[in-house]
N, C-alpha and C. Protein backbone atom coordinates (compact mmCIF):
# COMPACT_ATOMS: atom_id res chain seq x y z
N MET A 1 6.45 -62.20 57.77
CA MET A 1 7.14 -62.77 56.63
C MET A 1 6.19 -63.45 55.66
N LEU A 2 5.04 -63.91 56.18
CA LEU A 2 4.08 -64.58 55.30
C LEU A 2 3.56 -63.62 54.24
N GLU A 3 3.23 -62.40 54.64
CA GLU A 3 2.74 -61.42 53.68
C GLU A 3 3.80 -61.13 52.62
N LEU A 4 5.04 -60.95 53.04
CA LEU A 4 6.13 -60.68 52.10
C LEU A 4 6.31 -61.81 51.11
N ALA A 5 6.30 -63.05 51.61
CA ALA A 5 6.52 -64.21 50.74
C ALA A 5 5.38 -64.39 49.75
N VAL A 6 4.15 -64.29 50.24
CA VAL A 6 2.99 -64.53 49.37
C VAL A 6 2.86 -63.43 48.31
N LYS A 7 2.99 -62.19 48.72
CA LYS A 7 2.83 -61.10 47.76
C LYS A 7 3.99 -61.05 46.76
N SER A 8 5.17 -61.39 47.19
CA SER A 8 6.30 -61.45 46.25
C SER A 8 6.08 -62.56 45.24
N LEU A 9 5.55 -63.69 45.69
CA LEU A 9 5.26 -64.80 44.77
C LEU A 9 4.19 -64.40 43.77
N ILE A 10 3.14 -63.73 44.25
CA ILE A 10 2.08 -63.28 43.35
C ILE A 10 2.65 -62.30 42.33
N ALA A 11 3.50 -61.39 42.78
CA ALA A 11 4.11 -60.42 41.86
C ALA A 11 4.93 -61.14 40.79
N TYR A 12 5.69 -62.16 41.20
CA TYR A 12 6.47 -62.93 40.24
C TYR A 12 5.56 -63.61 39.21
N LEU A 13 4.46 -64.19 39.68
CA LEU A 13 3.55 -64.88 38.77
C LEU A 13 2.86 -63.90 37.82
N VAL A 14 2.53 -62.72 38.33
CA VAL A 14 1.97 -61.68 37.46
C VAL A 14 3.00 -61.26 36.42
N GLY A 15 4.24 -61.10 36.85
CA GLY A 15 5.30 -60.74 35.92
C GLY A 15 5.49 -61.79 34.84
N SER A 16 5.19 -63.04 35.16
CA SER A 16 5.35 -64.13 34.21
C SER A 16 4.28 -64.14 33.12
N LEU A 17 3.27 -63.31 33.27
CA LEU A 17 2.23 -63.19 32.24
C LEU A 17 2.75 -62.24 31.16
N MET A 18 3.41 -62.80 30.17
CA MET A 18 4.07 -62.01 29.14
C MET A 18 3.08 -61.48 28.11
N GLY A 19 3.08 -60.17 27.92
CA GLY A 19 2.18 -59.58 26.94
C GLY A 19 2.40 -60.13 25.54
N ALA A 20 3.67 -60.24 25.14
CA ALA A 20 3.99 -60.71 23.78
C ALA A 20 3.54 -62.14 23.57
N LEU A 21 3.69 -62.97 24.59
CA LEU A 21 3.36 -64.37 24.43
C LEU A 21 1.86 -64.62 24.57
N LEU A 22 1.19 -63.84 25.41
CA LEU A 22 -0.26 -63.97 25.52
C LEU A 22 -0.94 -63.53 24.23
N LEU A 23 -0.55 -62.37 23.71
CA LEU A 23 -1.13 -61.90 22.46
C LEU A 23 -0.70 -62.77 21.29
N GLY A 24 0.54 -63.26 21.36
CA GLY A 24 1.02 -64.15 20.32
C GLY A 24 0.25 -65.45 20.28
N ALA A 25 -0.13 -65.96 21.44
CA ALA A 25 -0.93 -67.19 21.49
C ALA A 25 -2.28 -66.97 20.83
N CYS A 26 -2.86 -65.79 21.04
CA CYS A 26 -4.15 -65.48 20.39
C CYS A 26 -4.00 -65.40 18.88
N LYS A 27 -2.82 -65.02 18.43
CA LYS A 27 -2.56 -64.86 17.00
C LYS A 27 -1.95 -66.11 16.37
N GLY A 28 -1.58 -67.05 17.22
CA GLY A 28 -0.98 -68.28 16.71
C GLY A 28 0.48 -68.17 16.37
N VAL A 29 1.20 -67.23 17.02
CA VAL A 29 2.63 -67.07 16.77
C VAL A 29 3.38 -67.03 18.10
N ASP A 30 4.64 -67.40 18.07
CA ASP A 30 5.53 -67.28 19.21
C ASP A 30 6.69 -66.41 18.76
N ILE A 31 6.70 -65.16 19.22
CA ILE A 31 7.72 -64.24 18.69
C ILE A 31 9.12 -64.58 19.17
N ARG A 32 9.23 -65.53 20.10
CA ARG A 32 10.56 -66.00 20.49
C ARG A 32 11.20 -66.81 19.36
N GLU A 33 10.40 -67.20 18.40
CA GLU A 33 10.92 -67.92 17.24
C GLU A 33 11.11 -66.98 16.04
N LEU A 34 10.90 -65.69 16.26
CA LEU A 34 10.99 -64.72 15.17
C LEU A 34 11.95 -63.60 15.54
N GLY A 35 12.49 -62.93 14.53
CA GLY A 35 13.33 -61.77 14.77
C GLY A 35 14.50 -62.07 15.69
N SER A 36 14.63 -61.24 16.75
CA SER A 36 15.72 -61.41 17.71
C SER A 36 15.47 -62.53 18.69
N GLY A 37 14.25 -63.05 18.72
CA GLY A 37 13.90 -64.11 19.66
C GLY A 37 13.49 -63.61 21.02
N ASN A 38 13.44 -62.30 21.21
CA ASN A 38 13.08 -61.74 22.50
C ASN A 38 11.57 -61.50 22.59
N ALA A 39 11.00 -61.82 23.74
CA ALA A 39 9.55 -61.65 23.93
C ALA A 39 9.24 -60.28 24.51
N GLY A 40 9.70 -59.24 23.85
CA GLY A 40 9.48 -57.88 24.32
C GLY A 40 8.87 -57.00 23.26
N GLY A 41 8.69 -55.74 23.60
CA GLY A 41 8.01 -54.81 22.72
C GLY A 41 8.74 -54.53 21.42
N THR A 42 10.08 -54.44 21.47
CA THR A 42 10.83 -54.11 20.26
C THR A 42 10.72 -55.21 19.22
N ASN A 43 10.91 -56.45 19.66
CA ASN A 43 10.79 -57.58 18.72
C ASN A 43 9.35 -57.74 18.26
N ALA A 44 8.39 -57.43 19.14
CA ALA A 44 6.98 -57.48 18.74
C ALA A 44 6.70 -56.47 17.63
N LEU A 45 7.28 -55.28 17.76
CA LEU A 45 7.09 -54.25 16.74
C LEU A 45 7.69 -54.68 15.41
N ARG A 46 8.89 -55.21 15.46
CA ARG A 46 9.59 -55.59 14.23
C ARG A 46 8.92 -56.76 13.52
N THR A 47 8.34 -57.67 14.28
CA THR A 47 7.82 -58.89 13.66
C THR A 47 6.30 -58.91 13.50
N GLN A 48 5.57 -58.11 14.33
CA GLN A 48 4.11 -58.21 14.30
C GLN A 48 3.40 -56.87 14.06
N GLY A 49 4.12 -55.76 14.07
CA GLY A 49 3.50 -54.49 13.76
C GLY A 49 3.17 -53.64 14.97
N LYS A 50 2.72 -52.43 14.68
CA LYS A 50 2.53 -51.41 15.72
C LYS A 50 1.42 -51.76 16.70
N LEU A 51 0.28 -52.24 16.21
CA LEU A 51 -0.85 -52.51 17.10
C LEU A 51 -0.51 -53.62 18.08
N PHE A 52 0.09 -54.68 17.57
CA PHE A 52 0.48 -55.79 18.42
C PHE A 52 1.49 -55.32 19.47
N ALA A 53 2.49 -54.55 19.03
CA ALA A 53 3.52 -54.06 19.95
C ALA A 53 2.93 -53.14 21.01
N ALA A 54 1.97 -52.31 20.62
CA ALA A 54 1.33 -51.42 21.59
C ALA A 54 0.61 -52.23 22.67
N GLY A 55 -0.06 -53.29 22.27
CA GLY A 55 -0.73 -54.16 23.24
C GLY A 55 0.26 -54.81 24.18
N VAL A 56 1.38 -55.23 23.64
CA VAL A 56 2.43 -55.84 24.46
C VAL A 56 2.93 -54.85 25.51
N VAL A 57 3.23 -53.64 25.09
CA VAL A 57 3.76 -52.63 26.01
C VAL A 57 2.74 -52.29 27.09
N VAL A 58 1.48 -52.14 26.71
CA VAL A 58 0.44 -51.82 27.70
C VAL A 58 0.35 -52.91 28.77
N ILE A 59 0.35 -54.16 28.34
CA ILE A 59 0.27 -55.27 29.31
C ILE A 59 1.49 -55.30 30.21
N ASP A 60 2.67 -55.15 29.62
CA ASP A 60 3.90 -55.27 30.40
C ASP A 60 4.09 -54.10 31.37
N VAL A 61 3.71 -52.90 30.95
CA VAL A 61 3.78 -51.75 31.86
C VAL A 61 2.73 -51.89 32.96
N ALA A 62 1.52 -52.30 32.58
CA ALA A 62 0.43 -52.40 33.55
C ALA A 62 0.72 -53.40 34.66
N LYS A 63 1.34 -54.52 34.31
CA LYS A 63 1.60 -55.51 35.36
C LYS A 63 2.68 -55.00 36.33
N GLY A 64 3.63 -54.21 35.82
CA GLY A 64 4.62 -53.62 36.72
C GLY A 64 3.97 -52.64 37.69
N TRP A 65 3.08 -51.81 37.17
CA TRP A 65 2.37 -50.85 38.03
C TRP A 65 1.50 -51.59 39.04
N LEU A 66 0.78 -52.61 38.58
CA LEU A 66 -0.11 -53.37 39.46
C LEU A 66 0.66 -53.99 40.62
N ALA A 67 1.82 -54.56 40.33
CA ALA A 67 2.59 -55.24 41.38
C ALA A 67 3.16 -54.27 42.39
N ALA A 68 3.52 -53.06 41.95
CA ALA A 68 4.16 -52.11 42.85
C ALA A 68 3.17 -51.16 43.53
N ALA A 69 2.03 -50.90 42.88
CA ALA A 69 1.08 -49.92 43.42
C ALA A 69 -0.08 -50.58 44.16
N TRP A 70 -0.65 -51.61 43.59
CA TRP A 70 -1.86 -52.21 44.17
C TRP A 70 -1.57 -53.37 45.10
N LEU A 71 -0.73 -54.29 44.66
CA LEU A 71 -0.51 -55.53 45.41
C LEU A 71 0.00 -55.31 46.83
N PRO A 72 0.97 -54.43 47.08
CA PRO A 72 1.45 -54.26 48.46
C PRO A 72 0.37 -53.79 49.43
N LEU A 73 -0.63 -53.10 48.92
CA LEU A 73 -1.70 -52.57 49.78
C LEU A 73 -2.93 -53.47 49.82
N ALA A 74 -2.93 -54.50 48.98
CA ALA A 74 -4.11 -55.35 48.86
C ALA A 74 -4.29 -56.22 50.10
N THR A 75 -5.55 -56.44 50.45
CA THR A 75 -5.89 -57.35 51.54
C THR A 75 -6.21 -58.71 50.94
N LEU A 76 -5.40 -59.69 51.25
CA LEU A 76 -5.57 -61.03 50.69
C LEU A 76 -6.21 -61.95 51.73
N PRO A 77 -7.16 -62.77 51.32
CA PRO A 77 -7.82 -63.69 52.27
C PRO A 77 -6.80 -64.61 52.95
N GLY A 78 -6.84 -64.63 54.26
CA GLY A 78 -5.97 -65.52 55.02
C GLY A 78 -4.55 -65.02 55.17
N ILE A 79 -4.25 -63.84 54.63
CA ILE A 79 -2.89 -63.28 54.71
C ILE A 79 -2.97 -61.94 55.45
N PRO A 80 -2.78 -61.94 56.75
CA PRO A 80 -2.87 -60.67 57.49
C PRO A 80 -1.69 -59.76 57.19
N ALA A 81 -1.94 -58.47 57.28
CA ALA A 81 -0.87 -57.49 57.10
C ALA A 81 0.15 -57.65 58.22
N ASP A 82 1.40 -57.66 57.88
CA ASP A 82 2.47 -57.83 58.86
C ASP A 82 2.87 -56.46 59.40
N PRO A 83 2.56 -56.17 60.68
CA PRO A 83 2.88 -54.84 61.22
C PRO A 83 4.38 -54.58 61.33
N ALA A 84 5.18 -55.64 61.31
CA ALA A 84 6.63 -55.47 61.42
C ALA A 84 7.30 -55.23 60.07
N LEU A 85 6.51 -55.36 59.01
CA LEU A 85 7.06 -55.22 57.66
C LEU A 85 6.82 -53.81 57.14
N ALA A 86 7.88 -53.08 56.88
CA ALA A 86 7.75 -51.73 56.33
C ALA A 86 7.16 -51.81 54.93
N ARG A 87 6.19 -50.93 54.67
CA ARG A 87 5.51 -50.97 53.37
C ARG A 87 6.48 -50.72 52.22
N GLU A 88 7.51 -49.88 52.45
CA GLU A 88 8.45 -49.59 51.38
C GLU A 88 9.22 -50.84 50.98
N TRP A 89 9.60 -51.65 51.96
CA TRP A 89 10.27 -52.91 51.67
C TRP A 89 9.36 -53.83 50.86
N LEU A 90 8.09 -53.86 51.23
CA LEU A 90 7.14 -54.72 50.52
C LEU A 90 6.95 -54.26 49.08
N VAL A 91 6.84 -52.96 48.89
CA VAL A 91 6.68 -52.41 47.54
C VAL A 91 7.86 -52.81 46.66
N LEU A 92 9.07 -52.65 47.18
CA LEU A 92 10.25 -52.93 46.37
C LEU A 92 10.47 -54.42 46.18
N ALA A 93 10.04 -55.23 47.14
CA ALA A 93 10.11 -56.68 46.97
C ALA A 93 9.18 -57.12 45.85
N CYS A 94 7.97 -56.60 45.85
CA CYS A 94 7.03 -56.92 44.78
C CYS A 94 7.51 -56.37 43.44
N ALA A 95 8.09 -55.19 43.47
CA ALA A 95 8.61 -54.58 42.25
C ALA A 95 9.73 -55.44 41.64
N THR A 96 10.63 -55.90 42.49
CA THR A 96 11.72 -56.76 42.01
C THR A 96 11.17 -58.07 41.46
N ALA A 97 10.22 -58.65 42.17
CA ALA A 97 9.67 -59.94 41.76
C ALA A 97 8.95 -59.86 40.41
N VAL A 98 8.23 -58.77 40.16
CA VAL A 98 7.49 -58.68 38.91
C VAL A 98 8.44 -58.51 37.72
N VAL A 99 9.53 -57.77 37.91
CA VAL A 99 10.51 -57.62 36.83
C VAL A 99 11.22 -58.94 36.56
N VAL A 100 11.60 -59.64 37.62
CA VAL A 100 12.24 -60.95 37.45
C VAL A 100 11.28 -61.93 36.77
N GLY A 101 10.01 -61.87 37.15
CA GLY A 101 9.02 -62.73 36.51
C GLY A 101 8.89 -62.46 35.03
N HIS A 102 9.00 -61.20 34.64
CA HIS A 102 8.93 -60.84 33.22
C HIS A 102 10.11 -61.41 32.45
N VAL A 103 11.28 -61.38 33.05
CA VAL A 103 12.48 -61.87 32.37
C VAL A 103 12.55 -63.40 32.39
N TYR A 104 12.13 -63.99 33.50
CA TYR A 104 12.17 -65.45 33.65
C TYR A 104 10.78 -65.98 33.99
N PRO A 105 9.85 -65.97 33.02
CA PRO A 105 8.46 -66.34 33.30
C PRO A 105 8.27 -67.85 33.47
N VAL A 106 7.72 -68.24 34.60
CA VAL A 106 7.51 -69.66 34.88
C VAL A 106 6.52 -70.28 33.90
N TRP A 107 5.58 -69.47 33.38
CA TRP A 107 4.57 -70.01 32.46
C TRP A 107 5.13 -70.28 31.07
N PHE A 108 6.29 -69.72 30.77
CA PHE A 108 6.83 -69.80 29.40
C PHE A 108 8.28 -70.25 29.38
N GLU A 109 8.56 -71.34 30.10
CA GLU A 109 9.88 -71.98 30.11
C GLU A 109 11.00 -71.01 30.52
N PHE A 110 10.67 -70.02 31.31
CA PHE A 110 11.65 -69.05 31.82
C PHE A 110 12.36 -68.28 30.70
N ARG A 111 11.70 -68.16 29.56
CA ARG A 111 12.23 -67.37 28.44
C ARG A 111 11.32 -66.17 28.21
N GLY A 112 11.69 -65.03 28.76
CA GLY A 112 10.84 -63.85 28.68
C GLY A 112 11.49 -62.68 27.98
N GLY A 113 11.13 -61.48 28.42
CA GLY A 113 11.65 -60.26 27.84
C GLY A 113 12.86 -59.77 28.60
N LYS A 114 13.14 -58.49 28.45
CA LYS A 114 14.34 -57.92 29.06
C LYS A 114 14.04 -56.98 30.22
N GLY A 115 12.77 -56.84 30.58
CA GLY A 115 12.41 -56.17 31.82
C GLY A 115 12.13 -54.69 31.75
N ALA A 116 12.39 -54.04 30.61
CA ALA A 116 12.32 -52.58 30.57
C ALA A 116 10.90 -52.05 30.73
N ALA A 117 9.95 -52.59 29.96
CA ALA A 117 8.58 -52.08 30.02
C ALA A 117 7.98 -52.31 31.40
N THR A 118 8.23 -53.48 31.97
CA THR A 118 7.70 -53.76 33.31
C THR A 118 8.35 -52.85 34.35
N LEU A 119 9.63 -52.55 34.16
CA LEU A 119 10.30 -51.62 35.08
C LEU A 119 9.69 -50.22 34.99
N ILE A 120 9.28 -49.81 33.81
CA ILE A 120 8.60 -48.52 33.68
C ILE A 120 7.33 -48.50 34.52
N GLY A 121 6.56 -49.59 34.45
CA GLY A 121 5.35 -49.68 35.26
C GLY A 121 5.65 -49.59 36.73
N VAL A 122 6.71 -50.27 37.16
CA VAL A 122 7.13 -50.21 38.55
C VAL A 122 7.49 -48.78 38.96
N LEU A 123 8.25 -48.10 38.11
CA LEU A 123 8.67 -46.73 38.42
C LEU A 123 7.48 -45.77 38.47
N LEU A 124 6.49 -46.00 37.63
CA LEU A 124 5.29 -45.16 37.67
C LEU A 124 4.63 -45.22 39.05
N ALA A 125 4.77 -46.36 39.72
CA ALA A 125 4.19 -46.52 41.05
C ALA A 125 5.14 -46.08 42.15
N ALA A 126 6.43 -46.48 42.04
CA ALA A 126 7.37 -46.28 43.14
C ALA A 126 8.19 -45.01 43.04
N ALA A 127 8.46 -44.55 41.83
CA ALA A 127 9.30 -43.36 41.64
C ALA A 127 8.85 -42.62 40.39
N PRO A 128 7.64 -42.08 40.38
CA PRO A 128 7.09 -41.48 39.15
C PRO A 128 7.90 -40.31 38.62
N ARG A 129 8.61 -39.58 39.48
CA ARG A 129 9.39 -38.43 39.01
C ARG A 129 10.62 -38.85 38.20
N ALA A 130 10.98 -40.11 38.27
CA ALA A 130 12.13 -40.59 37.50
C ALA A 130 11.75 -41.03 36.10
N VAL A 131 10.46 -41.19 35.84
CA VAL A 131 10.03 -41.76 34.56
C VAL A 131 10.31 -40.81 33.39
N ALA A 132 9.89 -39.56 33.50
CA ALA A 132 10.08 -38.61 32.39
C ALA A 132 11.56 -38.41 32.05
N PRO A 133 12.46 -38.20 33.03
CA PRO A 133 13.88 -38.09 32.68
C PRO A 133 14.42 -39.34 32.02
N ALA A 134 14.00 -40.51 32.48
CA ALA A 134 14.48 -41.76 31.88
C ALA A 134 14.01 -41.88 30.44
N LEU A 135 12.76 -41.52 30.18
CA LEU A 135 12.25 -41.58 28.82
C LEU A 135 12.96 -40.56 27.93
N ALA A 136 13.31 -39.41 28.50
CA ALA A 136 14.04 -38.41 27.74
C ALA A 136 15.41 -38.93 27.34
N VAL A 137 16.10 -39.59 28.27
CA VAL A 137 17.40 -40.19 27.96
C VAL A 137 17.24 -41.24 26.88
N TRP A 138 16.21 -42.07 27.01
CA TRP A 138 15.96 -43.11 25.98
C TRP A 138 15.83 -42.48 24.60
N LEU A 139 15.04 -41.42 24.51
CA LEU A 139 14.79 -40.79 23.22
C LEU A 139 16.06 -40.16 22.65
N ILE A 140 16.81 -39.48 23.49
CA ILE A 140 18.04 -38.82 23.02
C ILE A 140 19.03 -39.85 22.48
N VAL A 141 19.22 -40.94 23.22
CA VAL A 141 20.16 -41.97 22.77
C VAL A 141 19.66 -42.66 21.52
N ALA A 142 18.34 -42.88 21.43
CA ALA A 142 17.78 -43.51 20.23
C ALA A 142 17.96 -42.62 19.01
N LEU A 143 17.74 -41.32 19.16
CA LEU A 143 17.92 -40.40 18.04
C LEU A 143 19.38 -40.32 17.61
N ALA A 144 20.28 -40.42 18.60
CA ALA A 144 21.70 -40.29 18.29
C ALA A 144 22.32 -41.56 17.74
N SER A 145 21.81 -42.72 18.19
CA SER A 145 22.47 -43.98 17.84
C SER A 145 21.63 -44.93 16.99
N GLY A 146 20.31 -44.85 17.16
CA GLY A 146 19.44 -45.80 16.47
C GLY A 146 19.35 -47.15 17.16
N TYR A 147 20.09 -47.33 18.24
CA TYR A 147 20.07 -48.61 18.96
C TYR A 147 19.03 -48.57 20.08
N VAL A 148 17.99 -49.38 19.96
CA VAL A 148 16.96 -49.43 20.99
C VAL A 148 17.51 -50.03 22.27
N GLY A 149 18.30 -51.09 22.15
CA GLY A 149 18.86 -51.72 23.34
C GLY A 149 19.76 -50.77 24.11
N LEU A 150 20.62 -50.05 23.42
CA LEU A 150 21.49 -49.07 24.07
C LEU A 150 20.67 -47.98 24.74
N SER A 151 19.63 -47.53 24.06
CA SER A 151 18.75 -46.50 24.63
C SER A 151 18.11 -46.98 25.92
N THR A 152 17.67 -48.24 25.93
CA THR A 152 17.03 -48.80 27.11
C THR A 152 18.00 -48.91 28.27
N MET A 153 19.21 -49.37 27.98
CA MET A 153 20.22 -49.47 29.04
C MET A 153 20.56 -48.10 29.62
N CYS A 154 20.74 -47.12 28.76
CA CYS A 154 21.07 -45.77 29.22
C CYS A 154 19.94 -45.18 30.06
N ALA A 155 18.70 -45.44 29.65
CA ALA A 155 17.55 -44.95 30.42
C ALA A 155 17.51 -45.58 31.81
N ALA A 156 17.78 -46.89 31.88
CA ALA A 156 17.78 -47.57 33.17
C ALA A 156 18.91 -47.05 34.06
N ILE A 157 20.06 -46.80 33.46
CA ILE A 157 21.20 -46.28 34.23
C ILE A 157 20.93 -44.86 34.71
N ALA A 158 20.14 -44.11 33.95
CA ALA A 158 19.83 -42.73 34.34
C ALA A 158 18.97 -42.65 35.59
N VAL A 159 18.15 -43.66 35.82
CA VAL A 159 17.20 -43.61 36.94
C VAL A 159 17.91 -43.42 38.28
N PRO A 160 18.95 -44.19 38.62
CA PRO A 160 19.61 -43.94 39.91
C PRO A 160 20.17 -42.53 40.05
N PHE A 161 20.66 -41.97 38.95
CA PHE A 161 21.19 -40.61 39.01
C PHE A 161 20.07 -39.60 39.30
N VAL A 162 18.92 -39.83 38.68
CA VAL A 162 17.77 -38.95 38.94
C VAL A 162 17.36 -39.04 40.41
N LEU A 163 17.30 -40.26 40.92
CA LEU A 163 16.89 -40.45 42.32
C LEU A 163 17.93 -39.89 43.29
N ALA A 164 19.20 -40.01 42.93
CA ALA A 164 20.26 -39.48 43.80
C ALA A 164 20.23 -37.95 43.84
N TRP A 165 19.74 -37.35 42.76
CA TRP A 165 19.68 -35.89 42.68
C TRP A 165 18.56 -35.33 43.56
N GLN A 166 17.56 -36.14 43.83
CA GLN A 166 16.43 -35.67 44.63
C GLN A 166 16.86 -35.51 46.08
N ARG A 167 16.27 -34.55 46.74
CA ARG A 167 16.61 -34.27 48.13
C ARG A 167 15.36 -34.33 49.02
N PRO A 168 15.46 -35.12 50.10
CA PRO A 168 16.57 -36.01 50.43
C PRO A 168 16.46 -37.30 49.63
N PRO A 169 17.58 -37.91 49.25
CA PRO A 169 17.50 -39.17 48.50
C PRO A 169 17.00 -40.30 49.39
N ASP A 170 16.32 -41.25 48.79
CA ASP A 170 15.81 -42.41 49.51
C ASP A 170 16.81 -43.56 49.30
N PRO A 171 17.59 -43.93 50.30
CA PRO A 171 18.63 -44.95 50.11
C PRO A 171 18.08 -46.28 49.62
N LEU A 172 16.92 -46.68 50.14
CA LEU A 172 16.35 -47.96 49.75
C LEU A 172 15.91 -47.95 48.29
N LEU A 173 15.23 -46.89 47.89
CA LEU A 173 14.79 -46.77 46.51
C LEU A 173 15.97 -46.62 45.56
N LEU A 174 16.99 -45.90 46.00
CA LEU A 174 18.19 -45.73 45.19
C LEU A 174 18.90 -47.08 44.99
N GLY A 175 18.99 -47.86 46.05
CA GLY A 175 19.60 -49.19 45.93
C GLY A 175 18.83 -50.08 44.97
N PHE A 176 17.51 -50.00 45.03
CA PHE A 176 16.68 -50.76 44.11
C PHE A 176 16.94 -50.32 42.67
N ALA A 177 17.01 -49.02 42.44
CA ALA A 177 17.22 -48.50 41.09
C ALA A 177 18.58 -48.94 40.54
N ILE A 178 19.60 -48.94 41.38
CA ILE A 178 20.92 -49.39 40.94
C ILE A 178 20.88 -50.87 40.57
N ALA A 179 20.23 -51.67 41.41
CA ALA A 179 20.13 -53.10 41.13
C ALA A 179 19.37 -53.35 39.83
N MET A 180 18.30 -52.60 39.60
CA MET A 180 17.52 -52.79 38.38
C MET A 180 18.29 -52.33 37.15
N ALA A 181 19.08 -51.26 37.28
CA ALA A 181 19.89 -50.80 36.15
C ALA A 181 20.90 -51.87 35.76
N LEU A 182 21.56 -52.46 36.76
CA LEU A 182 22.51 -53.54 36.48
C LEU A 182 21.81 -54.74 35.86
N PHE A 183 20.62 -55.04 36.33
CA PHE A 183 19.86 -56.18 35.80
C PHE A 183 19.47 -55.94 34.35
N VAL A 184 19.03 -54.73 34.03
CA VAL A 184 18.66 -54.41 32.66
C VAL A 184 19.88 -54.49 31.73
N VAL A 185 21.01 -54.03 32.20
CA VAL A 185 22.23 -54.16 31.39
C VAL A 185 22.54 -55.64 31.17
N TYR A 186 22.38 -56.45 32.21
CA TYR A 186 22.62 -57.89 32.07
C TYR A 186 21.67 -58.53 31.06
N THR A 187 20.40 -58.16 31.11
CA THR A 187 19.45 -58.77 30.17
C THR A 187 19.70 -58.33 28.74
N HIS A 188 20.45 -57.25 28.56
CA HIS A 188 20.78 -56.77 27.22
C HIS A 188 22.20 -57.19 26.80
N ARG A 189 22.75 -58.20 27.45
CA ARG A 189 24.12 -58.60 27.14
C ARG A 189 24.28 -59.07 25.69
N THR A 190 23.24 -59.68 25.13
CA THR A 190 23.36 -60.09 23.72
C THR A 190 23.36 -58.86 22.80
N ASN A 191 22.62 -57.83 23.17
CA ASN A 191 22.66 -56.58 22.40
C ASN A 191 24.05 -55.97 22.44
N ILE A 192 24.66 -56.00 23.63
CA ILE A 192 26.02 -55.46 23.77
C ILE A 192 26.98 -56.22 22.87
N ALA A 193 26.85 -57.55 22.87
CA ALA A 193 27.74 -58.37 22.04
C ALA A 193 27.55 -58.05 20.55
N ARG A 194 26.29 -57.86 20.14
CA ARG A 194 26.04 -57.55 18.72
C ARG A 194 26.53 -56.16 18.36
N MET A 195 26.40 -55.20 19.28
CA MET A 195 26.92 -53.86 19.00
C MET A 195 28.44 -53.89 18.86
N ARG A 196 29.09 -54.66 19.70
CA ARG A 196 30.55 -54.77 19.61
C ARG A 196 30.97 -55.45 18.30
N ALA A 197 30.13 -56.38 17.84
CA ALA A 197 30.44 -57.08 16.59
C ALA A 197 29.99 -56.31 15.36
N GLY A 198 29.22 -55.23 15.56
CA GLY A 198 28.73 -54.43 14.44
C GLY A 198 27.55 -55.06 13.72
N THR A 199 26.84 -55.97 14.40
CA THR A 199 25.71 -56.66 13.77
C THR A 199 24.36 -56.28 14.38
N GLU A 200 24.34 -55.39 15.33
CA GLU A 200 23.09 -54.99 15.97
C GLU A 200 22.26 -54.13 15.02
N SER A 201 20.98 -54.47 14.90
CA SER A 201 20.09 -53.70 14.03
C SER A 201 19.79 -52.34 14.64
N ARG A 202 19.60 -51.36 13.78
CA ARG A 202 19.22 -50.02 14.23
C ARG A 202 17.78 -49.72 13.84
N ALA A 203 17.12 -48.94 14.69
CA ALA A 203 15.79 -48.44 14.35
C ALA A 203 15.98 -47.20 13.47
N ARG A 204 15.98 -47.40 12.17
CA ARG A 204 16.38 -46.34 11.26
C ARG A 204 15.43 -45.15 11.28
N ARG A 205 14.16 -45.39 11.61
CA ARG A 205 13.22 -44.26 11.68
C ARG A 205 13.49 -43.38 12.90
N LEU A 206 14.09 -43.96 13.93
CA LEU A 206 14.45 -43.19 15.11
C LEU A 206 15.82 -42.56 14.98
N TRP A 207 16.67 -43.17 14.18
CA TRP A 207 18.06 -42.75 14.09
C TRP A 207 18.18 -41.50 13.22
N LEU A 208 17.75 -40.39 13.77
CA LEU A 208 17.66 -39.15 13.01
C LEU A 208 19.00 -38.43 12.89
N LEU A 209 19.93 -38.71 13.78
CA LEU A 209 21.19 -37.99 13.79
C LEU A 209 22.30 -38.74 13.05
N ARG A 210 21.94 -39.75 12.27
CA ARG A 210 22.96 -40.48 11.52
C ARG A 210 23.49 -39.63 10.38
N SER A 211 24.71 -39.93 9.98
CA SER A 211 25.28 -39.23 8.81
C SER A 211 24.70 -39.85 7.55
N ARG A 212 24.81 -39.15 6.46
CA ARG A 212 24.25 -39.64 5.22
C ARG A 212 24.98 -40.88 4.70
N THR A 213 26.21 -41.05 5.13
CA THR A 213 26.99 -42.20 4.68
C THR A 213 26.92 -43.36 5.65
N ALA A 214 26.16 -43.16 6.77
CA ALA A 214 26.08 -44.23 7.77
C ALA A 214 25.39 -45.45 7.20
N VAL A 215 25.87 -46.62 7.55
CA VAL A 215 25.27 -47.85 7.08
C VAL A 215 24.78 -48.63 8.29
N ARG A 216 23.94 -49.57 8.02
CA ARG A 216 23.37 -50.37 9.10
C ARG A 216 24.42 -51.29 9.71
């Protein structure tokens, strides 16, 4: 249990290293005070530009991959490997912790992002075959609706279906994917409220399937 507790804590702390806030500190801005107030890639793009947003996404994806791919296998001083602990459980515990850390970062007053980019990093390590279909769903929904938040939720929801389609399905990984999909929907609850109110902004450059009379 010591290995599980320590590595999960490290994963959470790594997740708390927010790309948007770290780069924002270097630039002298806090993007939580700008735009939508979210410390994620979309708000970074809207308020700080493409280069800044790209840096944010790289950091947030990389920490998800690091927590799920490297940390469970790492040998830590004074922390022996627990022979009774299945490695798959450890991977998914670290994966969950890093995503939660991204959303509720201890270093930044528990005000973080919405977990999507870090979840991509986790999936690259734990379920790489689900990444391309999820990104395809994201793109299709973005082209059809222009809503980045809706696209992200649909992509997260698609992951369990992709994993369930694989044979044989991995029940533990599938359960993790379902939990993460629900969590991503929860973190986008303000987007859902704005879409219902008709006030959610659209990414007009992505919204290619809009009608000519469509308005923002």
